PDB file of N, CA and C in Angstrom:
ATOM      1  N   UNK A   1      -7.965-197.709 -30.678  1.00  0.00           N
ATOM      2  CA  UNK A   1      -7.630-198.222 -31.989  1.00  0.00           C
ATOM      3  C   UNK A   1      -7.958-199.711 -32.020  1.00  0.00           C
ATOM      4  N   UNK A   2      -8.701-200.137 -32.999  1.00  0.00           N
ATOM      5  CA  UNK A   2      -9.073-201.545 -33.096  1.00  0.00           C
ATOM      6  C   UNK A   2      -8.043-202.309 -33.910  1.00  0.00           C
ATOM      7  N   UNK A   3      -8.106-203.619 -33.834  1.00  0.00           N
ATOM      8  CA  UNK A   3      -7.174-204.462 -34.569  1.00  0.00           C
ATOM      9  C   UNK A   3      -7.290-204.207 -36.069  1.00  0.00           C
ATOM     10  N   UNK A   4      -8.498-203.947 -36.567  1.00  0.00           N
ATOM     11  CA  UNK A   4      -8.691-203.716 -37.995  1.00  0.00           C
ATOM     12  C   UNK A   4      -8.009-202.436 -38.463  1.00  0.00           C
ATOM     13  N   UNK A   5      -7.758-201.499 -37.577  1.00  0.00           N
ATOM     14  CA  UNK A   5      -7.149-200.229 -37.952  1.00  0.00           C
ATOM     15  C   UNK A   5      -5.635-200.253 -37.868  1.00  0.00           C
ATOM     16  N   UNK A   6      -5.044-201.344 -37.415  1.00  0.00           N
ATOM     17  CA  UNK A   6      -3.595-201.415 -37.253  1.00  0.00           C
ATOM     18  C   UNK A   6      -2.988-202.414 -38.220  1.00  0.00           C
ATOM     19  N   UNK A   7      -1.878-202.038 -38.802  1.00  0.00           N
ATOM     20  CA  UNK A   7      -1.063-202.971 -39.570  1.00  0.00           C
ATOM     21  C   UNK A   7       0.375-202.765 -39.116  1.00  0.00           C
ATOM     22  N   UNK A   8       1.224-203.640 -39.530  1.00  0.00           N
ATOM     23  CA  UNK A   8       2.638-203.557 -39.148  1.00  0.00           C
ATOM     24  C   UNK A   8       3.503-203.518 -40.390  1.00  0.00           C
ATOM     25  N   UNK A   9       4.706-203.011 -40.205  1.00  0.00           N
ATOM     26  CA  UNK A   9       5.639-202.954 -41.309  1.00  0.00           C
ATOM     27  C   UNK A   9       7.036-202.629 -40.802  1.00  0.00           C
ATOM     28  N   UNK A  10       7.927-202.340 -41.724  1.00  0.00           N
ATOM     29  CA  UNK A  10       9.304-201.962 -41.396  1.00  0.00           C
ATOM     30  C   UNK A  10       9.531-200.543 -41.902  1.00  0.00           C
ATOM     31  N   UNK A  11      10.134-199.737 -41.055  1.00  0.00           N
ATOM     32  CA  UNK A  11      10.403-198.354 -41.416  1.00  0.00           C
ATOM     33  C   UNK A  11      11.819-197.998 -41.006  1.00  0.00           C
ATOM     34  N   UNK A  12      12.295-196.880 -41.544  1.00  0.00           N
ATOM     35  CA  UNK A  12      13.646-196.420 -41.295  1.00  0.00           C
ATOM     36  C   UNK A  12      13.592-195.043 -40.643  1.00  0.00           C
ATOM     37  N   UNK A  13      14.411-194.831 -39.618  1.00  0.00           N
ATOM     38  CA  UNK A  13      14.505-193.532 -38.964  1.00  0.00           C
ATOM     39  C   UNK A  13      15.109-192.540 -39.961  1.00  0.00           C
ATOM     40  N   UNK A  14      14.478-191.390 -40.114  1.00  0.00           N
ATOM     41  CA  UNK A  14      14.960-190.372 -41.043  1.00  0.00           C
ATOM     42  C   UNK A  14      16.296-189.804 -40.560  1.00  0.00           C
ATOM     43  N   UNK A  15      16.512-189.744 -39.247  1.00  0.00           N
ATOM     44  CA  UNK A  15      17.732-189.137 -38.701  1.00  0.00           C
ATOM     45  C   UNK A  15      18.963-190.032 -38.798  1.00  0.00           C
ATOM     46  N   UNK A  16      18.831-191.312 -38.400  1.00  0.00           N
ATOM     47  CA  UNK A  16      20.023-192.169 -38.347  1.00  0.00           C
ATOM     48  C   UNK A  16      19.996-193.347 -39.315  1.00  0.00           C
ATOM     49  N   UNK A  17      18.839-193.639 -39.905  1.00  0.00           N
ATOM     50  CA  UNK A  17      18.748-194.733 -40.856  1.00  0.00           C
ATOM     51  C   UNK A  17      18.469-196.093 -40.248  1.00  0.00           C
ATOM     52  N   UNK A  18      18.283-196.167 -38.932  1.00  0.00           N
ATOM     53  CA  UNK A  18      18.016-197.446 -38.275  1.00  0.00           C
ATOM     54  C   UNK A  18      16.668-198.002 -38.728  1.00  0.00           C
ATOM     55  N   UNK A  19      16.639-199.284 -39.047  1.00  0.00           N
ATOM     56  CA  UNK A  19      15.385-199.951 -39.424  1.00  0.00           C
ATOM     57  C   UNK A  19      14.680-200.415 -38.159  1.00  0.00           C
ATOM     58  N   UNK A  20      13.372-200.213 -38.123  1.00  0.00           N
ATOM     59  CA  UNK A  20      12.581-200.578 -36.948  1.00  0.00           C
ATOM     60  C   UNK A  20      11.252-201.166 -37.388  1.00  0.00           C
ATOM     61  N   UNK A  21      10.717-202.069 -36.572  1.00  0.00           N
ATOM     62  CA  UNK A  21       9.364-202.558 -36.788  1.00  0.00           C
ATOM     63  C   UNK A  21       8.403-201.476 -36.305  1.00  0.00           C
ATOM     64  N   UNK A  22       7.362-201.228 -37.088  1.00  0.00           N
ATOM     65  CA  UNK A  22       6.413-200.168 -36.742  1.00  0.00           C
ATOM     66  C   UNK A  22       4.979-200.651 -36.886  1.00  0.00           C
ATOM     67  N   UNK A  23       4.101-199.975 -36.164  1.00  0.00           N
ATOM     68  CA  UNK A  23       2.660-200.118 -36.374  1.00  0.00           C
ATOM     69  C   UNK A  23       2.256-198.961 -37.270  1.00  0.00           C
ATOM     70  N   UNK A  24       1.369-199.225 -38.205  1.00  0.00           N
ATOM     71  CA  UNK A  24       0.881-198.201 -39.117  1.00  0.00           C
ATOM     72  C   UNK A  24      -0.585-197.958 -38.758  1.00  0.00           C
ATOM     73  N   UNK A  25      -0.897-196.747 -38.317  1.00  0.00           N
ATOM     74  CA  UNK A  25      -2.263-196.428 -37.918  1.00  0.00           C
ATOM     75  C   UNK A  25      -3.109-196.146 -39.148  1.00  0.00           C
ATOM     76  N   UNK A  26      -4.418-196.030 -38.946  1.00  0.00           N
ATOM     77  CA  UNK A  26      -5.320-195.720 -40.057  1.00  0.00           C
ATOM     78  C   UNK A  26      -5.033-194.338 -40.643  1.00  0.00           C
ATOM     79  N   UNK A  27      -4.376-193.464 -39.866  1.00  0.00           N
ATOM     80  CA  UNK A  27      -3.984-192.143 -40.364  1.00  0.00           C
ATOM     81  C   UNK A  27      -2.601-192.181 -41.018  1.00  0.00           C
ATOM     82  N   UNK A  28      -2.030-193.400 -41.167  1.00  0.00           N
ATOM     83  CA  UNK A  28      -0.718-193.644 -41.758  1.00  0.00           C
ATOM     84  C   UNK A  28       0.423-193.082 -40.926  1.00  0.00           C
ATOM     85  N   UNK A  29       0.211-192.991 -39.613  1.00  0.00           N
ATOM     86  CA  UNK A  29       1.271-192.619 -38.697  1.00  0.00           C
ATOM     87  C   UNK A  29       2.089-193.861 -38.387  1.00  0.00           C
ATOM     88  N   UNK A  30       3.415-193.728 -38.374  1.00  0.00           N
ATOM     89  CA  UNK A  30       4.301-194.853 -38.081  1.00  0.00           C
ATOM     90  C   UNK A  30       4.728-194.785 -36.622  1.00  0.00           C
ATOM     91  N   UNK A  31       4.405-195.817 -35.859  1.00  0.00           N
ATOM     92  CA  UNK A  31       4.724-195.877 -34.433  1.00  0.00           C
ATOM     93  C   UNK A  31       5.655-197.055 -34.175  1.00  0.00           C
ATOM     94  N   UNK A  32       6.891-196.802 -33.721  1.00  0.00           N
ATOM     95  CA  UNK A  32       7.822-197.901 -33.455  1.00  0.00           C
ATOM     96  C   UNK A  32       7.236-198.879 -32.432  1.00  0.00           C
ATOM     97  N   UNK A  33       7.377-200.156 -32.700  1.00  0.00           N
ATOM     98  CA  UNK A  33       6.905-201.187 -31.786  1.00  0.00           C
ATOM     99  C   UNK A  33       7.939-201.342 -30.673  1.00  0.00           C
ATOM    100  N   UNK A  34       7.491-201.300 -29.430  1.00  0.00           N
ATOM    101  CA  UNK A  34       8.372-201.482 -28.291  1.00  0.00           C
ATOM    102  C   UNK A  34       9.069-200.225 -27.821  1.00  0.00           C
ATOM    103  N   UNK A  35       8.752-199.085 -28.415  1.00  0.00           N
ATOM    104  CA  UNK A  35       9.381-197.833 -28.002  1.00  0.00           C
ATOM    105  C   UNK A  35       8.354-196.710 -28.037  1.00  0.00           C
ATOM    106  N   UNK A  36       8.148-196.070 -26.906  1.00  0.00           N
ATOM    107  CA  UNK A  36       7.204-194.956 -26.870  1.00  0.00           C
ATOM    108  C   UNK A  36       7.874-193.633 -27.197  1.00  0.00           C
ATOM    109  N   UNK A  37       9.221-193.616 -27.223  1.00  0.00           N
ATOM    110  CA  UNK A  37       9.962-192.373 -27.448  1.00  0.00           C
ATOM    111  C   UNK A  37      10.547-192.256 -28.847  1.00  0.00           C
ATOM    112  N   UNK A  38      10.210-193.168 -29.755  1.00  0.00           N
ATOM    113  CA  UNK A  38      10.780-193.126 -31.098  1.00  0.00           C
ATOM    114  C   UNK A  38      12.051-193.945 -31.177  1.00  0.00           C
ATOM    115  N   UNK A  39      12.954-193.519 -32.031  1.00  0.00           N
ATOM    116  CA  UNK A  39      14.217-194.219 -32.261  1.00  0.00           C
ATOM    117  C   UNK A  39      15.180-193.977 -31.097  1.00  0.00           C
ATOM    118  N   UNK A  40      16.067-194.935 -30.807  1.00  0.00           N
ATOM    119  CA  UNK A  40      17.075-194.721 -29.758  1.00  0.00           C
ATOM    120  C   UNK A  40      17.956-193.485 -29.995  1.00  0.00           C
ATOM    121  N   UNK A  41      18.092-193.042 -31.252  1.00  0.00           N
ATOM    122  CA  UNK A  41      18.894-191.847 -31.536  1.00  0.00           C
ATOM    123  C   UNK A  41      18.151-190.564 -31.157  1.00  0.00           C
ATOM    124  N   UNK A  42      16.861-190.699 -30.839  1.00  0.00           N
ATOM    125  CA  UNK A  42      16.055-189.528 -30.503  1.00  0.00           C
ATOM    126  C   UNK A  42      15.132-189.096 -31.628  1.00  0.00           C
ATOM    127  N   UNK A  43      15.299-189.701 -32.799  1.00  0.00           N
ATOM    128  CA  UNK A  43      14.460-189.366 -33.953  1.00  0.00           C
ATOM    129  C   UNK A  43      13.020-189.814 -33.764  1.00  0.00           C
ATOM    130  N   UNK A  44      12.110-189.035 -34.305  1.00  0.00           N
ATOM    131  CA  UNK A  44      10.688-189.382 -34.198  1.00  0.00           C
ATOM    132  C   UNK A  44      10.008-189.411 -35.559  1.00  0.00           C
ATOM    133  N   UNK A  45      10.781-189.254 -36.626  1.00  0.00           N
ATOM    134  CA  UNK A  45      10.213-189.293 -37.980  1.00  0.00           C
ATOM    135  C   UNK A  45      10.742-190.530 -38.696  1.00  0.00           C
ATOM    136  N   UNK A  46       9.818-191.270 -39.315  1.00  0.00           N
ATOM    137  CA  UNK A  46      10.171-192.521 -39.978  1.00  0.00           C
ATOM    138  C   UNK A  46       9.590-192.556 -41.384  1.00  0.00           C
ATOM    139  N   UNK A  47      10.233-193.329 -42.256  1.00  0.00           N
ATOM    140  CA  UNK A  47       9.675-193.578 -43.593  1.00  0.00           C
ATOM    141  C   UNK A  47       9.710-195.075 -43.818  1.00  0.00           C
ATOM    142  N   UNK A  48       8.722-195.552 -44.538  1.00  0.00           N
ATOM    143  CA  UNK A  48       8.616-196.984 -44.822  1.00  0.00           C
ATOM    144  C   UNK A  48       9.831-197.430 -45.628  1.00  0.00           C
ATOM    145  N   UNK A  49      10.346-198.624 -45.322  1.00  0.00           N
ATOM    146  CA  UNK A  49      11.441-199.175 -46.104  1.00  0.00           C
ATOM    147  C   UNK A  49      10.966-199.434 -47.518  1.00  0.00           C
ATOM    148  N   UNK A  50      11.806-199.170 -48.465  1.00  0.00           N
ATOM    149  CA  UNK A  50      11.460-199.390 -49.859  1.00  0.00           C
ATOM    150  C   UNK A  50      10.821-198.193 -50.536  1.00  0.00           C
ATOM    151  N   UNK A  51      10.659-197.105 -49.831  1.00  0.00           N
ATOM    152  CA  UNK A  51      10.077-195.906 -50.447  1.00  0.00           C
ATOM    153  C   UNK A  51      11.150-194.906 -50.766  1.00  0.00           C
TER     154      UNK A  51
END
């Protein structure tokens, strides 16, 4: 993934509501920054804040 294909934003865990910083891929996948396993609650689905 190149720098041009990555953006950052804030998203919320669908399971617990925790806000996290995320990378947004060109496929619009949300990947938590600093965590390879998703949210500390175990959730792996996120939605952008404000949506």
